[in-house]
N, C-alpha and C. Protein backbone atom coordinates (compact mmCIF):
# COMPACT_ATOMS: atom_id res chain seq x y z
N MET A 1 121.36 119.10 134.93
CA MET A 1 121.15 119.25 135.74
C MET A 1 119.61 118.62 136.79
N ILE A 2 118.67 119.19 135.97
CA ILE A 2 117.49 118.57 135.72
C ILE A 2 117.08 117.30 135.05
N LEU A 3 117.85 116.99 134.09
CA LEU A 3 117.84 115.74 133.62
C LEU A 3 118.19 114.29 134.71
N ASP A 4 118.98 115.40 134.85
CA ASP A 4 120.34 114.29 136.37
C ASP A 4 119.51 114.21 137.38
N ALA A 5 118.69 114.86 138.23
CA ALA A 5 118.08 114.91 138.82
C ALA A 5 116.91 113.87 138.81
N VAL A 6 115.85 113.92 137.57
CA VAL A 6 114.35 113.46 137.07
C VAL A 6 115.08 112.08 136.19
N ALA A 7 115.96 111.91 135.76
CA ALA A 7 115.70 111.28 134.69
C ALA A 7 116.78 108.86 135.40
N SER A 8 116.54 108.30 134.99
CA SER A 8 117.07 106.96 135.15
C SER A 8 118.40 107.31 134.31
N HIS A 9 117.88 107.22 133.23
CA HIS A 9 119.30 107.26 132.22
C HIS A 9 119.33 108.38 131.51
N TRP A 10 119.96 109.32 130.64
CA TRP A 10 120.23 110.06 129.80
C TRP A 10 121.49 110.24 129.02
N GLY A 11 121.42 110.91 128.09
CA GLY A 11 122.37 111.27 126.93
C GLY A 11 122.18 111.93 126.11
N VAL A 12 123.43 112.56 125.36
CA VAL A 12 123.27 113.70 124.07
C VAL A 12 124.09 112.63 122.71
N ILE A 13 123.35 113.03 121.77
CA ILE A 13 124.12 112.51 120.52
C ILE A 13 124.29 113.81 119.84
N PRO A 14 125.70 114.13 119.59
CA PRO A 14 125.72 114.86 118.67
C PRO A 14 125.78 114.52 116.96
N ARG A 15 125.02 115.93 116.33
CA ARG A 15 125.27 116.11 115.17
C ARG A 15 125.45 116.80 114.01
N ALA A 16 125.42 116.87 112.78
CA ALA A 16 126.50 118.05 112.33
C ALA A 16 125.69 119.33 112.47
N ASP A 17 124.84 119.28 112.48
CA ASP A 17 124.21 120.77 112.64
C ASP A 17 123.27 120.73 113.92
N SER A 18 123.12 119.77 114.71
CA SER A 18 122.27 120.30 116.15
C SER A 18 122.85 118.85 117.19
N LYS A 19 122.24 118.78 118.06
CA LYS A 19 122.40 117.83 118.85
C LYS A 19 121.12 117.40 119.53
N VAL A 20 120.79 115.68 119.65
CA VAL A 20 119.70 114.94 120.04
C VAL A 20 119.87 115.31 122.05
N VAL A 21 119.03 115.15 122.94
CA VAL A 21 118.94 114.95 124.40
C VAL A 21 118.18 114.02 124.59
N TRP A 22 118.63 113.23 125.08
CA TRP A 22 117.80 111.87 125.29
C TRP A 22 117.87 111.38 126.61
N CYS A 23 116.54 110.87 127.16
CA CYS A 23 116.64 110.48 128.73
C CYS A 23 115.27 109.55 128.89
N GLU A 24 115.28 109.08 129.58
CA GLU A 24 114.56 107.81 130.17
C GLU A 24 113.48 107.86 130.94
N LEU A 25 112.46 107.94 131.43
CA LEU A 25 111.67 108.66 132.96
C LEU A 25 111.12 107.50 133.27
N ALA A 26 111.20 107.12 134.20
CA ALA A 26 109.84 105.75 134.90
C ALA A 26 108.51 106.71 134.40
N THR A 27 107.82 105.45 134.05
CA THR A 27 106.16 105.48 133.63
C THR A 27 105.39 105.13 134.56
N GLY A 28 105.89 104.01 135.11
CA GLY A 28 105.21 103.19 136.62
C GLY A 28 104.22 102.33 135.26
N LEU A 29 104.08 101.76 133.72
CA LEU A 29 104.15 100.53 133.42
C LEU A 29 105.02 99.66 133.68
N GLU A 30 104.31 98.51 134.34
CA GLU A 30 104.86 97.11 134.34
C GLU A 30 105.48 96.62 133.06
N VAL A 31 106.79 96.43 132.73
CA VAL A 31 107.09 95.53 131.79
C VAL A 31 107.30 94.44 131.67
N SER A 32 106.75 93.57 130.99
CA SER A 32 106.54 92.24 130.66
C SER A 32 107.96 91.56 130.65
N LYS A 33 107.69 90.55 131.59
CA LYS A 33 109.10 89.48 131.84
C LYS A 33 109.78 89.27 130.40
N ASP A 34 108.94 89.03 129.53
CA ASP A 34 109.19 88.18 128.59
C ASP A 34 110.23 89.43 127.37
N HIS A 35 110.11 90.71 127.73
CA HIS A 35 110.17 91.52 126.57
C HIS A 35 110.81 92.83 127.64
N PRO A 36 111.72 92.76 128.75
CA PRO A 36 112.32 93.61 129.55
C PRO A 36 113.71 94.85 128.94
N ARG A 37 114.57 94.04 128.08
CA ARG A 37 114.98 94.79 127.00
C ARG A 37 115.04 94.65 125.64
N ASP A 38 113.81 94.71 125.18
CA ASP A 38 113.59 94.35 124.01
C ASP A 38 113.35 95.74 123.17
N LEU A 39 115.18 95.69 122.17
CA LEU A 39 114.91 97.07 121.39
C LEU A 39 113.81 97.58 120.58
N ARG A 40 112.91 96.72 120.01
CA ARG A 40 111.39 96.88 119.61
C ARG A 40 110.58 97.69 120.63
N VAL A 41 110.33 97.88 121.38
CA VAL A 41 109.63 98.14 122.56
C VAL A 41 110.37 99.88 122.73
N ALA A 42 111.72 99.33 122.71
CA ALA A 42 112.53 100.63 123.05
C ALA A 42 111.91 101.88 122.15
N GLN A 43 112.68 101.17 121.27
CA GLN A 43 111.99 102.10 119.72
C GLN A 43 110.66 102.49 119.68
N ALA A 44 109.80 101.60 119.84
CA ALA A 44 108.30 102.24 119.91
C ALA A 44 107.86 103.06 120.85
N GLU A 45 108.82 103.23 122.41
CA GLU A 45 108.18 104.20 123.37
C GLU A 45 109.17 104.86 123.07
N MET A 46 110.27 105.49 122.28
CA MET A 46 110.76 106.69 121.64
C MET A 46 109.78 107.36 120.56
N SER A 47 109.28 106.19 119.53
CA SER A 47 108.29 107.17 118.92
C SER A 47 106.80 107.56 119.21
N ILE A 48 106.85 106.95 120.55
CA ILE A 48 105.95 107.51 121.39
C ILE A 48 106.11 108.64 121.85
N VAL A 49 106.60 109.06 122.64
CA VAL A 49 107.55 110.56 122.75
C VAL A 49 107.68 111.64 121.99
N ARG A 50 108.18 111.19 120.44
CA ARG A 50 108.31 112.24 119.59
C ARG A 50 107.50 112.21 118.85
N HIS A 51 106.40 111.55 118.69
CA HIS A 51 104.86 111.80 118.14
C HIS A 51 104.41 112.80 118.85
N GLY A 52 104.40 112.63 119.88
CA GLY A 52 104.03 113.92 120.95
C GLY A 52 105.02 115.37 120.97
N SER A 53 105.76 115.72 120.23
CA SER A 53 106.32 116.62 120.60
C SER A 53 105.79 117.25 118.91
N ALA A 54 106.89 118.61 119.40
CA ALA A 54 106.67 119.55 117.73
C ALA A 54 106.93 118.67 116.23
N ARG A 55 105.88 118.75 115.56
CA ARG A 55 106.55 117.90 114.15
C ARG A 55 107.11 119.31 113.28
N ASN A 56 108.26 118.83 112.91
CA ASN A 56 108.85 119.85 111.73
C ASN A 56 107.87 119.85 110.52
N THR A 57 107.83 121.31 110.41
CA THR A 57 107.11 121.98 109.62
C THR A 57 107.59 122.18 108.11
N GLU A 58 108.74 122.11 108.02
CA GLU A 58 109.67 122.60 106.89
C GLU A 58 109.20 121.57 105.72
N ALA A 59 109.15 122.28 104.60
CA ALA A 59 108.65 121.33 103.75
C ALA A 59 109.40 120.25 103.12
N GLN A 60 108.91 119.31 102.31
CA GLN A 60 110.16 118.46 102.03
C GLN A 60 109.91 118.12 100.35
N VAL A 61 110.67 117.76 99.81
CA VAL A 61 110.35 117.25 97.94
C VAL A 61 110.56 115.67 98.40
N VAL A 62 108.75 115.98 97.77
CA VAL A 62 108.44 114.27 98.06
C VAL A 62 108.98 113.52 96.39
N THR A 63 109.91 112.74 96.56
CA THR A 63 110.15 111.41 95.34
C THR A 63 109.94 110.27 95.72
N SER A 64 109.47 109.22 94.75
CA SER A 64 108.99 108.11 95.00
C SER A 64 110.35 107.28 96.18
N LEU A 65 111.02 107.28 95.53
CA LEU A 65 112.07 106.80 96.68
C LEU A 65 111.80 107.12 98.31
N SER A 66 111.72 108.83 98.70
CA SER A 66 111.48 108.85 99.77
C SER A 66 109.93 108.43 99.98
N THR A 67 109.00 108.36 99.14
CA THR A 67 107.99 107.74 99.30
C THR A 67 108.45 106.24 99.89
N ALA A 68 108.85 105.70 99.11
CA ALA A 68 108.82 104.23 99.77
C ALA A 68 110.21 104.03 101.33
N VAL A 69 110.88 104.94 101.08
CA VAL A 69 111.38 104.89 102.64
C VAL A 69 110.44 105.44 103.77
N ALA A 70 109.71 106.39 103.58
CA ALA A 70 108.49 107.03 104.43
C ALA A 70 107.67 105.78 104.87
N GLU A 71 107.43 104.80 103.74
CA GLU A 71 106.27 104.14 103.75
C GLU A 71 107.21 103.05 104.47
N LYS A 72 108.10 102.35 104.39
CA LYS A 72 109.26 101.26 105.27
C LYS A 72 109.19 101.57 106.49
N ALA A 73 109.46 102.93 106.93
CA ALA A 73 109.61 103.45 108.32
C ALA A 73 108.28 103.76 109.21
N ALA A 74 107.20 104.03 108.08
CA ALA A 74 106.13 103.61 108.69
C ALA A 74 105.70 102.45 109.24
N ILE A 75 106.15 101.20 108.48
CA ILE A 75 105.77 100.05 108.67
C ILE A 75 106.60 99.75 110.37
N ASP A 76 107.30 99.93 110.14
CA ASP A 76 108.66 99.33 111.20
C ASP A 76 107.94 100.28 112.30
N LEU A 77 107.25 101.39 112.18
CA LEU A 77 106.76 101.90 113.73
C LEU A 77 105.68 101.51 114.03
N ILE A 78 104.86 100.94 113.03
CA ILE A 78 103.33 100.21 113.95
C ILE A 78 104.15 99.07 113.91
N THR A 79 104.99 98.37 113.72
CA THR A 79 105.55 96.84 113.93
C THR A 79 106.02 97.03 115.64
N ASP A 80 106.95 98.21 115.37
CA ASP A 80 107.40 98.79 117.25
C ASP A 80 105.70 98.71 118.10
N LEU A 81 105.19 99.84 117.90
CA LEU A 81 104.35 99.95 118.51
C LEU A 81 103.78 98.84 118.60
N LEU A 82 103.50 97.78 117.67
CA LEU A 82 102.66 96.43 118.26
C LEU A 82 103.87 95.57 119.31
N HIS A 83 104.50 95.78 119.08
CA HIS A 83 105.87 95.03 120.06
C HIS A 83 105.53 95.21 121.81
N TRP A 84 105.44 96.74 121.24
CA TRP A 84 105.26 97.73 122.73
C TRP A 84 104.06 97.33 123.32
N LEU A 85 102.69 97.62 122.91
CA LEU A 85 101.40 97.01 123.26
C LEU A 85 101.41 95.28 123.69
N HIS A 86 102.35 94.69 122.99
CA HIS A 86 102.27 93.40 123.79
C HIS A 86 103.18 93.52 125.04
N ALA A 87 104.10 93.78 124.97
CA ALA A 87 105.51 93.86 126.14
C ALA A 87 104.57 94.49 127.61
N HIS A 88 103.43 95.70 127.31
CA HIS A 88 102.70 95.72 128.18
C HIS A 88 101.47 95.34 128.60
N GLY A 89 101.31 94.36 127.88
CA GLY A 89 99.89 93.34 128.52
C GLY A 89 98.58 94.15 127.57
N CYS A 90 98.66 94.50 126.61
CA CYS A 90 97.93 95.09 125.55
C CYS A 90 97.61 93.78 124.56
N ASP A 91 96.41 93.96 123.86
CA ASP A 91 96.29 93.25 122.94
C ASP A 91 96.65 93.82 121.48
N PRO A 92 97.33 93.28 120.79
CA PRO A 92 97.90 94.38 119.55
C PRO A 92 96.77 94.22 118.51
N ASP A 93 95.80 93.16 118.28
CA ASP A 93 95.23 92.81 117.19
C ASP A 93 93.90 93.91 117.45
N GLU A 94 93.43 94.24 118.73
CA GLU A 94 92.23 94.51 119.34
C GLU A 94 92.98 96.38 118.87
N ALA A 95 94.29 96.62 119.35
CA ALA A 95 94.57 98.09 119.10
C ALA A 95 94.27 98.18 117.65
N LEU A 96 95.00 97.51 116.32
CA LEU A 96 95.21 97.77 115.13
C LEU A 96 93.65 98.09 114.71
N ASP A 97 92.30 96.91 115.26
CA ASP A 97 91.36 97.12 114.96
C ASP A 97 90.73 98.66 115.62
N ARG A 98 91.38 99.13 116.44
CA ARG A 98 90.76 100.20 117.15
C ARG A 98 91.02 101.79 116.19
N ALA A 99 92.13 101.44 116.05
CA ALA A 99 93.21 102.16 114.93
C ALA A 99 92.40 102.61 113.86
N GLN A 100 92.18 101.38 113.02
CA GLN A 100 91.48 101.36 111.77
C GLN A 100 89.98 102.09 111.85
N MET A 101 89.48 101.76 113.14
CA MET A 101 88.12 103.00 113.09
C MET A 101 88.32 103.80 112.77
N HIS A 102 89.27 104.51 114.22
CA HIS A 102 89.43 105.41 114.61
C HIS A 102 89.50 106.45 113.06
N TYR A 103 90.95 106.21 112.24
CA TYR A 103 91.28 106.17 110.54
C TYR A 103 89.97 105.98 110.02
N GLU A 104 89.24 105.40 109.62
CA GLU A 104 88.50 105.55 108.63
C GLU A 104 87.29 106.81 109.13
N ALA A 105 87.10 106.68 110.04
CA ALA A 105 86.20 107.61 111.46
C ALA A 105 86.95 109.02 110.60
N GLU A 106 87.92 109.76 110.87
CA GLU A 106 88.26 110.44 110.05
C GLU A 106 88.49 111.00 109.27
N LEU A 107 88.65 109.67 108.38
CA LEU A 107 88.43 110.01 106.31
C LEU A 107 87.04 110.47 106.35
N GLU A 108 86.04 109.87 106.90
CA GLU A 108 85.05 110.01 106.78
C GLU A 108 84.03 111.55 106.94
N GLY A 109 85.18 111.97 108.56
CA GLY A 109 84.49 113.19 108.86
C GLY A 109 85.55 114.39 107.84
N ALA A 110 86.31 113.92 107.15
CA ALA A 110 87.09 114.86 106.47
C ALA A 110 86.05 115.48 104.91
N ASP A 111 84.88 114.47 104.58
CA ASP A 111 84.42 114.77 103.27
C ASP A 111 83.49 115.73 103.25
C-alpha cells in the first residue's frame, strides 16, 4: 500500500530464494528530451539506488573468471552512469576527472 501511494511504478521480481521489490519515485530531476526512456540511463539510476543500500558482506570466492566478470560489470556501470549524467545535463568528462581525483586522494590517504 505504501509503494502504491508514493511510487509512480513498482513491481516484484521473484528469485529462487528471495524476491526483489522495485519502485520508481519522482526525483524532481529534469529528463533530457534526448534520453527520456534510455535503458542505460534507467540502469544507472537503479545502480545509484543500489549503491546507497546495504552491501552484501558475505565472503565470495575470487577467481580470474569472477574478477573478469566483475570488471566488465564495473565498466558497464561506469558507462551507464556517464549516460545518466549526460541525460541530466551534466558533463561526463568533468565527472570522470573529479572521480579520478577523488579516487587518487583516497589512495594517498590510505598510505
